[in-house]
PDB file of N, CA and C in Angstrom:
ATOM      1  N   MET A   1      -4.470  37.842 -10.925  1.00  0.00           N
ATOM      2  CA  MET A   1      -3.743  37.472  -9.730  1.00  0.00           C
ATOM      3  C   MET A   1      -4.484  36.392  -8.948  1.00  0.00           C
ATOM      4  N   THR A   2      -5.793  36.523  -8.854  1.00  0.00           N
ATOM      5  CA  THR A   2      -6.595  35.546  -8.123  1.00  0.00           C
ATOM      6  C   THR A   2      -6.531  34.182  -8.806  1.00  0.00           C
ATOM      7  N   THR A   3      -6.558  34.163 -10.117  1.00  0.00           N
ATOM      8  CA  THR A   3      -6.485  32.904 -10.852  1.00  0.00           C
ATOM      9  C   THR A   3      -5.136  32.233 -10.627  1.00  0.00           C
ATOM     10  N   LEU A   4      -4.086  33.004 -10.652  1.00  0.00           N
ATOM     11  CA  LEU A   4      -2.755  32.452 -10.404  1.00  0.00           C
ATOM     12  C   LEU A   4      -2.656  31.884  -8.999  1.00  0.00           C
ATOM     13  N   LEU A   5      -3.213  32.572  -8.044  1.00  0.00           N
ATOM     14  CA  LEU A   5      -3.209  32.093  -6.672  1.00  0.00           C
ATOM     15  C   LEU A   5      -3.969  30.776  -6.554  1.00  0.00           C
ATOM     16  N   ARG A   6      -5.096  30.682  -7.212  1.00  0.00           N
ATOM     17  CA  ARG A   6      -5.876  29.442  -7.196  1.00  0.00           C
ATOM     18  C   ARG A   6      -5.108  28.305  -7.859  1.00  0.00           C
ATOM     19  N   LEU A   7      -4.451  28.598  -8.971  1.00  0.00           N
ATOM     20  CA  LEU A   7      -3.688  27.566  -9.675  1.00  0.00           C
ATOM     21  C   LEU A   7      -2.528  27.039  -8.833  1.00  0.00           C
ATOM     22  N   LEU A   8      -1.993  27.856  -7.978  1.00  0.00           N
ATOM     23  CA  LEU A   8      -0.895  27.422  -7.124  1.00  0.00           C
ATOM     24  C   LEU A   8      -1.378  26.813  -5.818  1.00  0.00           C
ATOM     25  N   LEU A   9      -2.459  27.311  -5.300  1.00  0.00           N
ATOM     26  CA  LEU A   9      -2.940  26.882  -3.995  1.00  0.00           C
ATOM     27  C   LEU A   9      -3.626  25.518  -4.042  1.00  0.00           C
ATOM     28  N   ILE A  10      -4.435  25.278  -5.035  1.00  0.00           N
ATOM     29  CA  ILE A  10      -5.181  24.016  -5.106  1.00  0.00           C
ATOM     30  C   ILE A  10      -4.242  22.806  -5.216  1.00  0.00           C
ATOM     31  N   PRO A  11      -3.268  22.781  -6.126  1.00  0.00           N
ATOM     32  CA  PRO A  11      -2.362  21.624  -6.160  1.00  0.00           C
ATOM     33  C   PRO A  11      -1.553  21.463  -4.863  1.00  0.00           C
ATOM     34  N   ALA A  12      -1.195  22.577  -4.241  1.00  0.00           N
ATOM     35  CA  ALA A  12      -0.445  22.480  -2.988  1.00  0.00           C
ATOM     36  C   ALA A  12      -1.296  21.836  -1.901  1.00  0.00           C
ATOM     37  N   LEU A  13      -2.551  22.203  -1.815  1.00  0.00           N
ATOM     38  CA  LEU A  13      -3.442  21.599  -0.814  1.00  0.00           C
ATOM     39  C   LEU A  13      -3.679  20.121  -1.101  1.00  0.00           C
ATOM     40  N   LEU A  14      -3.850  19.772  -2.351  1.00  0.00           N
ATOM     41  CA  LEU A  14      -4.043  18.368  -2.706  1.00  0.00           C
ATOM     42  C   LEU A  14      -2.802  17.544  -2.382  1.00  0.00           C
ATOM     43  N   THR A  15      -1.642  18.085  -2.651  1.00  0.00           N
ATOM     44  CA  THR A  15      -0.398  17.379  -2.348  1.00  0.00           C
ATOM     45  C   THR A  15      -0.246  17.166  -0.844  1.00  0.00           C
ATOM     46  N   MET A  16      -0.560  18.165  -0.065  1.00  0.00           N
ATOM     47  CA  MET A  16      -0.462  18.025   1.389  1.00  0.00           C
ATOM     48  C   MET A  16      -1.462  16.999   1.915  1.00  0.00           C
ATOM     49  N   SER A  17      -2.653  16.952   1.337  1.00  0.00           N
ATOM     50  CA  SER A  17      -3.640  15.988   1.810  1.00  0.00           C
ATOM     51  C   SER A  17      -3.213  14.564   1.476  1.00  0.00           C
ATOM     52  N   LEU A  18      -2.571  14.367   0.340  1.00  0.00           N
ATOM     53  CA  LEU A  18      -2.083  13.029  -0.001  1.00  0.00           C
ATOM     54  C   LEU A  18      -0.913  12.632   0.885  1.00  0.00           C
ATOM     55  N   ALA A  19      -0.082  13.566   1.222  1.00  0.00           N
ATOM     56  CA  ALA A  19       1.049  13.269   2.093  1.00  0.00           C
ATOM     57  C   ALA A  19       0.569  12.894   3.490  1.00  0.00           C
ATOM     58  N   ALA A  20      -0.516  13.462   3.924  1.00  0.00           N
ATOM     59  CA  ALA A  20      -1.053  13.146   5.241  1.00  0.00           C
ATOM     60  C   ALA A  20      -1.616  11.728   5.283  1.00  0.00           C
ATOM     61  N   CYS A  21      -2.054  11.195   4.159  1.00  0.00           N
ATOM     62  CA  CYS A  21      -2.630   9.850   4.113  1.00  0.00           C
ATOM     63  C   CYS A  21      -1.557   8.769   4.138  1.00  0.00           C
ATOM     64  N   ASP A  22      -0.312   9.133   3.980  1.00  0.00           N
ATOM     65  CA  ASP A  22       0.759   8.145   3.919  1.00  0.00           C
ATOM     66  C   ASP A  22       0.952   7.428   5.249  1.00  0.00           C
ATOM     67  N   ARG A  23       0.702   8.081   6.323  1.00  0.00           N
ATOM     68  CA  ARG A  23       0.938   7.519   7.643  1.00  0.00           C
ATOM     69  C   ARG A  23      -0.290   6.732   8.098  1.00  0.00           C
ATOM     70  N   GLY A  24      -0.078   5.482   8.485  1.00  0.00           N
ATOM     71  CA  GLY A  24      -1.188   4.643   8.912  1.00  0.00           C
ATOM     72  C   GLY A  24      -1.326   4.626  10.419  1.00  0.00           C
ATOM     73  N   GLY A  25      -2.523   4.433  10.867  1.00  0.00           N
ATOM     74  CA  GLY A  25      -2.778   4.361  12.292  1.00  0.00           C
ATOM     75  C   GLY A  25      -2.599   2.946  12.810  1.00  0.00           C
ATOM     76  N   PRO A  26      -2.911   2.733  14.080  1.00  0.00           N
ATOM     77  CA  PRO A  26      -2.717   1.413  14.666  1.00  0.00           C
ATOM     78  C   PRO A  26      -3.602   0.344  14.025  1.00  0.00           C
ATOM     79  N   ALA A  27      -4.800   0.694  13.594  1.00  0.00           N
ATOM     80  CA  ALA A  27      -5.672  -0.291  12.959  1.00  0.00           C
ATOM     81  C   ALA A  27      -5.098  -0.731  11.608  1.00  0.00           C
ATOM     82  N   GLU A  28      -4.516   0.202  10.881  1.00  0.00           N
ATOM     83  CA  GLU A  28      -3.926  -0.148   9.591  1.00  0.00           C
ATOM     84  C   GLU A  28      -2.699  -1.038   9.775  1.00  0.00           C
ATOM     85  N   ARG A  29      -1.884  -0.729  10.770  1.00  0.00           N
ATOM     86  CA  ARG A  29      -0.713  -1.570  11.046  1.00  0.00           C
ATOM     87  C   ARG A  29      -1.137  -2.968  11.475  1.00  0.00           C
ATOM     88  N   THR A  30      -2.178  -3.072  12.292  1.00  0.00           N
ATOM     89  CA  THR A  30      -2.679  -4.378  12.719  1.00  0.00           C
ATOM     90  C   THR A  30      -3.217  -5.150  11.525  1.00  0.00           C
ATOM     91  N   GLY A  31      -3.932  -4.472  10.641  1.00  0.00           N
ATOM     92  CA  GLY A  31      -4.452  -5.117   9.443  1.00  0.00           C
ATOM     93  C   GLY A  31      -3.347  -5.643   8.552  1.00  0.00           C
ATOM     94  N   ARG A  32      -2.290  -4.851   8.377  1.00  0.00           N
ATOM     95  CA  ARG A  32      -1.152  -5.300   7.573  1.00  0.00           C
ATOM     96  C   ARG A  32      -0.495  -6.516   8.204  1.00  0.00           C
ATOM     97  N   SER A  33      -0.375  -6.505   9.520  1.00  0.00           N
ATOM     98  CA  SER A  33       0.224  -7.638  10.228  1.00  0.00           C
ATOM     99  C   SER A  33      -0.615  -8.899  10.041  1.00  0.00           C
ATOM    100  N   LEU A  34      -1.931  -8.758  10.125  1.00  0.00           N
ATOM    101  CA  LEU A  34      -2.813  -9.909   9.913  1.00  0.00           C
ATOM    102  C   LEU A  34      -2.728 -10.416   8.469  1.00  0.00           C
ATOM    103  N   ASP A  35      -2.613  -9.509   7.520  1.00  0.00           N
ATOM    104  CA  ASP A  35      -2.468  -9.916   6.116  1.00  0.00           C
ATOM    105  C   ASP A  35      -1.189 -10.723   5.917  1.00  0.00           C
ATOM    106  N   ARG A  36      -0.099 -10.234   6.501  1.00  0.00           N
ATOM    107  CA  ARG A  36       1.167 -10.967   6.368  1.00  0.00           C
ATOM    108  C   ARG A  36       1.093 -12.341   7.020  1.00  0.00           C
ATOM    109  N   ALA A  37       0.427 -12.418   8.178  1.00  0.00           N
ATOM    110  CA  ALA A  37       0.275 -13.710   8.847  1.00  0.00           C
ATOM    111  C   ALA A  37      -0.541 -14.663   7.979  1.00  0.00           C
ATOM    112  N   GLY A  38      -1.591 -14.161   7.360  1.00  0.00           N
ATOM    113  CA  GLY A  38      -2.397 -14.993   6.467  1.00  0.00           C
ATOM    114  C   GLY A  38      -1.597 -15.482   5.274  1.00  0.00           C
ATOM    115  N   GLU A  39      -0.745 -14.633   4.728  1.00  0.00           N
ATOM    116  CA  GLU A  39       0.098 -15.041   3.605  1.00  0.00           C
ATOM    117  C   GLU A  39       1.085 -16.123   4.023  1.00  0.00           C
ATOM    118  N   ARG A  40       1.652 -15.983   5.214  1.00  0.00           N
ATOM    119  CA  ARG A  40       2.593 -17.004   5.691  1.00  0.00           C
ATOM    120  C   ARG A  40       1.888 -18.338   5.902  1.00  0.00           C
ATOM    121  N   VAL A  41       0.663 -18.296   6.430  1.00  0.00           N
ATOM    122  CA  VAL A  41      -0.098 -19.538   6.620  1.00  0.00           C
ATOM    123  C   VAL A  41      -0.400 -20.150   5.256  1.00  0.00           C
ATOM    124  N   ARG A  42      -0.801 -19.338   4.304  1.00  0.00           N
ATOM    125  CA  ARG A  42      -1.092 -19.847   2.960  1.00  0.00           C
ATOM    126  C   ARG A  42       0.148 -20.481   2.343  1.00  0.00           C
ATOM    127  N   ASP A  43       1.316 -19.852   2.507  1.00  0.00           N
ATOM    128  CA  ASP A  43       2.544 -20.410   1.949  1.00  0.00           C
ATOM    129  C   ASP A  43       2.932 -21.712   2.634  1.00  0.00           C
ATOM    130  N   THR A  44       2.583 -21.854   3.913  1.00  0.00           N
ATOM    131  CA  THR A  44       2.889 -23.084   4.624  1.00  0.00           C
ATOM    132  C   THR A  44       1.935 -24.205   4.209  1.00  0.00           C
ATOM    133  N   VAL A  45       0.656 -23.894   4.130  1.00  0.00           N
ATOM    134  CA  VAL A  45      -0.352 -24.905   3.791  1.00  0.00           C
ATOM    135  C   VAL A  45      -0.290 -25.243   2.306  1.00  0.00           C
ATOM    136  N   ASP A  46      -0.152 -24.243   1.457  1.00  0.00           N
ATOM    137  CA  ASP A  46      -0.134 -24.433   0.011  1.00  0.00           C
ATOM    138  C   ASP A  46       1.079 -23.720  -0.570  1.00  0.00           C
ATOM    139  N   PRO A  47       2.261 -24.355  -0.497  1.00  0.00           N
ATOM    140  CA  PRO A  47       3.474 -23.677  -0.976  1.00  0.00           C
ATOM    141  C   PRO A  47       3.420 -23.442  -2.487  1.00  0.00           C
ATOM    142  N   PRO A  48       4.137 -22.448  -2.963  1.00  0.00           N
ATOM    143  CA  PRO A  48       4.177 -22.207  -4.404  1.00  0.00           C
ATOM    144  C   PRO A  48       4.706 -23.444  -5.138  1.00  0.00           C
ATOM    145  N   ARG A  49       4.099 -23.747  -6.277  1.00  0.00           N
ATOM    146  CA  ARG A  49       4.447 -24.987  -6.982  1.00  0.00           C
ATOM    147  C   ARG A  49       5.565 -24.819  -7.996  1.00  0.00           C
ATOM    148  N   GLY A  50       6.088 -23.675  -8.125  1.00  0.00           N
ATOM    149  CA  GLY A  50       7.167 -23.480  -9.084  1.00  0.00           C
ATOM    150  C   GLY A  50       7.688 -22.062  -9.020  1.00  0.00           C
ATOM    151  N   PRO A  51       8.697 -21.798  -9.839  1.00  0.00           N
ATOM    152  CA  PRO A  51       9.303 -20.461  -9.792  1.00  0.00           C
ATOM    153  C   PRO A  51       8.355 -19.361 -10.258  1.00  0.00           C
ATOM    154  N   VAL A  52       7.463 -19.668 -11.186  1.00  0.00           N
ATOM    155  CA  VAL A  52       6.553 -18.639 -11.690  1.00  0.00           C
ATOM    156  C   VAL A  52       5.528 -18.280 -10.621  1.00  0.00           C
ATOM    157  N   GLU A  53       4.988 -19.277  -9.941  1.00  0.00           N
ATOM    158  CA  GLU A  53       4.023 -18.989  -8.877  1.00  0.00           C
ATOM    159  C   GLU A  53       4.697 -18.276  -7.710  1.00  0.00           C
ATOM    160  N   ARG A  54       5.914 -18.658  -7.396  1.00  0.00           N
ATOM    161  CA  ARG A  54       6.667 -17.984  -6.337  1.00  0.00           C
ATOM    162  C   ARG A  54       6.900 -16.517  -6.705  1.00  0.00           C
ATOM    163  N   LEU A  55       7.253 -16.279  -7.959  1.00  0.00           N
ATOM    164  CA  LEU A  55       7.449 -14.911  -8.436  1.00  0.00           C
ATOM    165  C   LEU A  55       6.143 -14.122  -8.380  1.00  0.00           C
ATOM    166  N   GLY A  56       5.043 -14.757  -8.763  1.00  0.00           N
ATOM    167  CA  GLY A  56       3.748 -14.091  -8.715  1.00  0.00           C
ATOM    168  C   GLY A  56       3.365 -13.687  -7.313  1.00  0.00           C
ATOM    169  N   ARG A  57       3.614 -14.561  -6.359  1.00  0.00           N
ATOM    170  CA  ARG A  57       3.293 -14.215  -4.960  1.00  0.00           C
ATOM    171  C   ARG A  57       4.171 -13.094  -4.447  1.00  0.00           C
ATOM    172  N   SER A  58       5.434 -13.091  -4.837  1.00  0.00           N
ATOM    173  CA  SER A  58       6.311 -12.004  -4.380  1.00  0.00           C
ATOM    174  C   SER A  58       5.902 -10.673  -5.024  1.00  0.00           C
ATOM    175  N   VAL A  59       5.427 -10.711  -6.269  1.00  0.00           N
ATOM    176  CA  VAL A  59       4.939  -9.493  -6.910  1.00  0.00           C
ATOM    177  C   VAL A  59       3.679  -9.011  -6.201  1.00  0.00           C
ATOM    178  N   ASP A  60       2.794  -9.937  -5.852  1.00  0.00           N
ATOM    179  CA  ASP A  60       1.574  -9.564  -5.105  1.00  0.00           C
ATOM    180  C   ASP A  60       1.932  -8.875  -3.803  1.00  0.00           C
ATOM    181  N   ARG A  61       2.909  -9.393  -3.102  1.00  0.00           N
ATOM    182  CA  ARG A  61       3.306  -8.780  -1.825  1.00  0.00           C
ATOM    183  C   ARG A  61       3.893  -7.398  -2.041  1.00  0.00           C
ATOM    184  N   ALA A  62       4.673  -7.241  -3.095  1.00  0.00           N
ATOM    185  CA  ALA A  62       5.314  -5.954  -3.364  1.00  0.00           C
ATOM    186  C   ALA A  62       4.282  -4.895  -3.759  1.00  0.00           C
ATOM    187  N   VAL A  63       3.265  -5.300  -4.497  1.00  0.00           N
ATOM    188  CA  VAL A  63       2.252  -4.353  -4.958  1.00  0.00           C
ATOM    189  C   VAL A  63       1.317  -3.980  -3.827  1.00  0.00           C
ATOM    190  N   ASN A  64       0.953  -4.926  -3.001  1.00  0.00           N
ATOM    191  CA  ASN A  64       0.021  -4.645  -1.913  1.00  0.00           C
ATOM    192  C   ASN A  64       0.795  -4.108  -0.768  1.00  0.00           C
TER     193      ASN A  64
END
């Protein structure tokens, strides 16, 4: 019984801890905003040179 309880309790606690990390605080939101501003400046100063580079930058934004 104790082993079964451990097998059920440990994954539940890990799942809850990961769910708690999903929400960002004000510093994380500010950092994301600064990252987006930097990307916009980069696109203005050095625009993508073709469809492949444009696609690569959009994939980078989606992944990050």
